[in-house]
Amino acid sequence: MILWGLAGMFVMAIGMTLAFLVDVSALSILFTALYVIIFGVTLGPLVWVMTADIFPDSIRASASSLCIGINWFCNLVVGVSYPYFADALKDFSYLPFVVLLALFYCMALSLVPETSGKTSAEIQLEYEERRHKRCTR
């Protein structure tokens, strides 16, 4: 679901950029609405579920609090920085987000395990196996 969300948002951000370039405001609105919808049904709620799934019980509350705080801080950074991007990059104001979404897709593909249908113990075991493989290379 993370990968679908990132891919969908990537495509919509490219669509928004192209809509700005050809100056078709209806397309800008469409791509923006689809971007928000895709975020709302994928990455938006997943942060709350993933933080509860990936941490062991002993640190779950503290780790979830830290992750959610970082999430809110990143939202603040996006909100504060976008007017500067829009001013400096004009029609290409979504390009930094396109680049970041591509980077996040690659990171999620290689670093985030599938947690669907797994218990917390199974997820922790998978992390432990990944860490062991990385340390023994």
C-alpha atoms as a PDB file:
ATOM      1  CA  MET A   1       0.000   0.000   0.000  1.00  0.00           C
ATOM      2  CA  ILE A   2       2.932   2.316   0.698  1.00  0.00           C
ATOM      3  CA  LEU A   3       4.365   1.703  -2.765  1.00  0.00           C
ATOM      4  CA  TRP A   4       0.996   2.252  -4.445  1.00  0.00           C
ATOM      5  CA  GLY A   5       0.560   5.520  -2.562  1.00  0.00           C
ATOM      6  CA  LEU A   6       4.027   6.788  -3.415  1.00  0.00           C
ATOM      7  CA  ALA A   7       3.657   5.776  -7.075  1.00  0.00           C
ATOM      8  CA  GLY A   8       0.233   7.403  -7.347  1.00  0.00           C
ATOM      9  CA  MET A   9       1.406  10.608  -5.710  1.00  0.00           C
ATOM     10  CA  PHE A  10       4.484  10.618  -7.981  1.00  0.00           C
ATOM     11  CA  VAL A  11       2.300  10.385 -11.099  1.00  0.00           C
ATOM     12  CA  MET A  12      -0.086  13.074  -9.828  1.00  0.00           C
ATOM     13  CA  ALA A  13       2.795  15.429  -8.970  1.00  0.00           C
ATOM     14  CA  ILE A  14       4.138  14.995 -12.503  1.00  0.00           C
ATOM     15  CA  GLY A  15       0.608  15.630 -13.784  1.00  0.00           C
ATOM     16  CA  MET A  16       0.372  18.831 -11.734  1.00  0.00           C
ATOM     17  CA  THR A  17       3.692  20.012 -13.156  1.00  0.00           C
ATOM     18  CA  LEU A  18       2.580  19.276 -16.724  1.00  0.00           C
ATOM     19  CA  ALA A  19      -0.772  20.989 -16.105  1.00  0.00           C
ATOM     20  CA  PHE A  20       1.078  24.106 -14.933  1.00  0.00           C
ATOM     21  CA  LEU A  21       3.319  24.001 -18.008  1.00  0.00           C
ATOM     22  CA  VAL A  22       0.423  23.790 -20.483  1.00  0.00           C
ATOM     23  CA  ASP A  23      -1.604  26.239 -18.354  1.00  0.00           C
ATOM     24  CA  VAL A  24      -4.750  24.127 -18.023  1.00  0.00           C
ATOM     25  CA  SER A  25      -6.179  24.977 -14.622  1.00  0.00           C
ATOM     26  CA  ALA A  26      -8.843  22.236 -14.758  1.00  0.00           C
ATOM     27  CA  LEU A  27      -6.081  19.629 -15.019  1.00  0.00           C
ATOM     28  CA  SER A  28      -4.231  21.241 -12.118  1.00  0.00           C
ATOM     29  CA  ILE A  29      -7.343  20.927  -9.984  1.00  0.00           C
ATOM     30  CA  LEU A  30      -7.919  17.323 -11.086  1.00  0.00           C
ATOM     31  CA  PHE A  31      -4.336  16.223 -10.388  1.00  0.00           C
ATOM     32  CA  THR A  32      -4.303  18.062  -7.054  1.00  0.00           C
ATOM     33  CA  ALA A  33      -7.566  16.414  -5.981  1.00  0.00           C
ATOM     34  CA  LEU A  34      -6.304  12.975  -7.025  1.00  0.00           C
ATOM     35  CA  TYR A  35      -3.020  13.583  -5.197  1.00  0.00           C
ATOM     36  CA  VAL A  36      -4.893  14.434  -1.989  1.00  0.00           C
ATOM     37  CA  ILE A  37      -7.236  11.443  -2.377  1.00  0.00           C
ATOM     38  CA  ILE A  38      -4.354   9.035  -2.973  1.00  0.00           C
ATOM     39  CA  PHE A  39      -2.505  10.409   0.047  1.00  0.00           C
ATOM     40  CA  GLY A  40      -5.664  10.215   2.141  1.00  0.00           C
ATOM     41  CA  VAL A  41      -6.263   6.527   1.450  1.00  0.00           C
ATOM     42  CA  THR A  42      -2.639   5.333   1.486  1.00  0.00           C
ATOM     43  CA  LEU A  43       0.204   7.202   3.160  1.00  0.00           C
ATOM     44  CA  GLY A  44      -1.929   9.477   5.337  1.00  0.00           C
ATOM     45  CA  PRO A  45      -3.397   6.766   7.563  1.00  0.00           C
ATOM     46  CA  LEU A  46      -0.524   4.301   7.144  1.00  0.00           C
ATOM     47  CA  VAL A  47       1.852   6.267   9.352  1.00  0.00           C
ATOM     48  CA  TRP A  48      -0.416   5.569  12.304  1.00  0.00           C
ATOM     49  CA  VAL A  49      -0.683   1.857  11.539  1.00  0.00           C
ATOM     50  CA  MET A  50       2.964   1.313  10.620  1.00  0.00           C
ATOM     51  CA  THR A  51       4.329   2.906  13.772  1.00  0.00           C
ATOM     52  CA  ALA A  52       2.203   0.561  15.853  1.00  0.00           C
ATOM     53  CA  ASP A  53       3.287  -2.462  13.788  1.00  0.00           C
ATOM     54  CA  ILE A  54       7.032  -2.087  13.395  1.00  0.00           C
ATOM     55  CA  PHE A  55       8.221  -1.386  16.924  1.00  0.00           C
ATOM     56  CA  PRO A  56       8.552  -3.955  19.710  1.00  0.00           C
ATOM     57  CA  ASP A  57       6.227  -3.590  22.681  1.00  0.00           C
ATOM     58  CA  SER A  58       9.015  -2.346  24.942  1.00  0.00           C
ATOM     59  CA  ILE A  59       9.539   0.883  22.962  1.00  0.00           C
ATOM     60  CA  ARG A  60       6.317   1.160  20.953  1.00  0.00           C
ATOM     61  CA  ALA A  61       4.831   4.165  22.767  1.00  0.00           C
ATOM     62  CA  SER A  62       8.024   6.244  22.766  1.00  0.00           C
ATOM     63  CA  ALA A  63       8.965   5.298  19.203  1.00  0.00           C
ATOM     64  CA  SER A  64       5.454   6.021  17.928  1.00  0.00           C
ATOM     65  CA  SER A  65       5.492   9.408  19.631  1.00  0.00           C
ATOM     66  CA  LEU A  66       8.840  10.237  18.056  1.00  0.00           C
ATOM     67  CA  CYS A  67       7.698   9.128  14.583  1.00  0.00           C
ATOM     68  CA  ILE A  68       4.464  11.082  14.793  1.00  0.00           C
ATOM     69  CA  GLY A  69       6.360  14.169  15.981  1.00  0.00           C
ATOM     70  CA  ILE A  70       8.739  13.851  13.026  1.00  0.00           C
ATOM     71  CA  ASN A  71       5.735  13.411  10.723  1.00  0.00           C
ATOM     72  CA  TRP A  72       4.161  16.643  11.968  1.00  0.00           C
ATOM     73  CA  PHE A  73       7.489  18.469  11.697  1.00  0.00           C
ATOM     74  CA  CYS A  74       7.857  17.318   8.082  1.00  0.00           C
ATOM     75  CA  ASN A  75       4.305  18.510   7.364  1.00  0.00           C
ATOM     76  CA  LEU A  76       5.295  21.891   8.773  1.00  0.00           C
ATOM     77  CA  VAL A  77       8.427  21.987   6.592  1.00  0.00           C
ATOM     78  CA  VAL A  78       6.375  21.221   3.464  1.00  0.00           C
ATOM     79  CA  GLY A  79       3.783  23.858   4.328  1.00  0.00           C
ATOM     80  CA  VAL A  80       6.363  26.530   5.085  1.00  0.00           C
ATOM     81  CA  SER A  81       8.689  25.732   2.175  1.00  0.00           C
ATOM     82  CA  TYR A  82       6.150  25.377  -0.636  1.00  0.00           C
ATOM     83  CA  PRO A  83       5.556  29.121  -1.138  1.00  0.00           C
ATOM     84  CA  TYR A  84       9.304  29.541  -1.631  1.00  0.00           C
ATOM     85  CA  PHE A  85       9.401  26.648  -4.109  1.00  0.00           C
ATOM     86  CA  ALA A  86       6.430  28.116  -5.967  1.00  0.00           C
ATOM     87  CA  ASP A  87       8.068  31.534  -6.087  1.00  0.00           C
ATOM     88  CA  ALA A  88      11.471  30.261  -7.218  1.00  0.00           C
ATOM     89  CA  LEU A  89      10.471  27.392  -9.510  1.00  0.00           C
ATOM     90  CA  LYS A  90       7.200  28.765 -10.937  1.00  0.00           C
ATOM     91  CA  ASP A  91       5.625  26.008 -13.082  1.00  0.00           C
ATOM     92  CA  PHE A  92       8.123  23.464 -11.751  1.00  0.00           C
ATOM     93  CA  SER A  93       7.179  23.988  -8.095  1.00  0.00           C
ATOM     94  CA  TYR A  94       6.216  20.324  -7.667  1.00  0.00           C
ATOM     95  CA  LEU A  95       9.519  19.053  -9.043  1.00  0.00           C
ATOM     96  CA  PRO A  96      11.191  18.790  -5.592  1.00  0.00           C
ATOM     97  CA  PHE A  97       8.261  16.630  -4.469  1.00  0.00           C
ATOM     98  CA  VAL A  98       8.548  14.452  -7.590  1.00  0.00           C
ATOM     99  CA  VAL A  99      12.217  13.846  -6.785  1.00  0.00           C
ATOM    100  CA  LEU A 100      11.485  13.120  -3.115  1.00  0.00           C
ATOM    101  CA  LEU A 101       8.624  10.764  -3.973  1.00  0.00           C
ATOM    102  CA  ALA A 102      10.910   8.812  -6.319  1.00  0.00           C
ATOM    103  CA  LEU A 103      13.544   8.625  -3.568  1.00  0.00           C
ATOM    104  CA  PHE A 104      10.971   7.555  -0.963  1.00  0.00           C
ATOM    105  CA  TYR A 105       9.650   4.881  -3.341  1.00  0.00           C
ATOM    106  CA  CYS A 106      13.132   3.383  -3.706  1.00  0.00           C
ATOM    107  CA  MET A 107      13.698   3.567   0.050  1.00  0.00           C
ATOM    108  CA  ALA A 108      10.356   1.934   0.856  1.00  0.00           C
ATOM    109  CA  LEU A 109      10.960  -0.764  -1.732  1.00  0.00           C
ATOM    110  CA  SER A 110      14.300  -1.691  -0.210  1.00  0.00           C
ATOM    111  CA  LEU A 111      13.854  -0.910   3.503  1.00  0.00           C
ATOM    112  CA  VAL A 112      10.221  -1.357   4.558  1.00  0.00           C
ATOM    113  CA  PRO A 113       9.090  -4.957   5.114  1.00  0.00           C
ATOM    114  CA  GLU A 114       5.610  -6.177   4.270  1.00  0.00           C
ATOM    115  CA  THR A 115       3.636  -6.130   7.524  1.00  0.00           C
ATOM    116  CA  SER A 116       0.187  -7.111   6.274  1.00  0.00           C
ATOM    117  CA  GLY A 117      -1.108 -10.194   8.047  1.00  0.00           C
ATOM    118  CA  LYS A 118       1.946 -10.506  10.299  1.00  0.00           C
ATOM    119  CA  THR A 119       2.123 -10.318  14.058  1.00  0.00           C
ATOM    120  CA  SER A 120       4.416  -7.867  15.798  1.00  0.00           C
ATOM    121  CA  ALA A 121       6.729 -10.748  16.718  1.00  0.00           C
ATOM    122  CA  GLU A 122       6.989 -11.856  13.071  1.00  0.00           C
ATOM    123  CA  ILE A 123       7.815  -8.310  11.985  1.00  0.00           C
ATOM    124  CA  GLN A 124      10.501  -8.024  14.656  1.00  0.00           C
ATOM    125  CA  LEU A 125      11.971 -11.354  13.550  1.00  0.00           C
ATOM    126  CA  GLU A 126      12.138 -10.113   9.951  1.00  0.00           C
ATOM    127  CA  TYR A 127      13.926  -6.932  11.071  1.00  0.00           C
ATOM    128  CA  GLU A 128      16.353  -9.021  13.094  1.00  0.00           C
ATOM    129  CA  GLU A 129      17.071 -11.270  10.086  1.00  0.00           C
ATOM    130  CA  ARG A 130      17.618  -8.228   7.846  1.00  0.00           C
ATOM    131  CA  ARG A 131      19.972  -6.671  10.366  1.00  0.00           C
ATOM    132  CA  HIS A 132      21.906  -9.926  10.715  1.00  0.00           C
ATOM    133  CA  LYS A 133      22.261 -10.255   6.921  1.00  0.00           C
ATOM    134  CA  ARG A 134      23.444  -6.653   6.637  1.00  0.00           C
ATOM    135  CA  CYS A 135      26.014  -7.101   9.410  1.00  0.00           C
ATOM    136  CA  THR A 136      27.433 -10.349   8.022  1.00  0.00           C
ATOM    137  CA  ARG A 137      28.014  -9.200   4.436  1.00  0.00           C
END
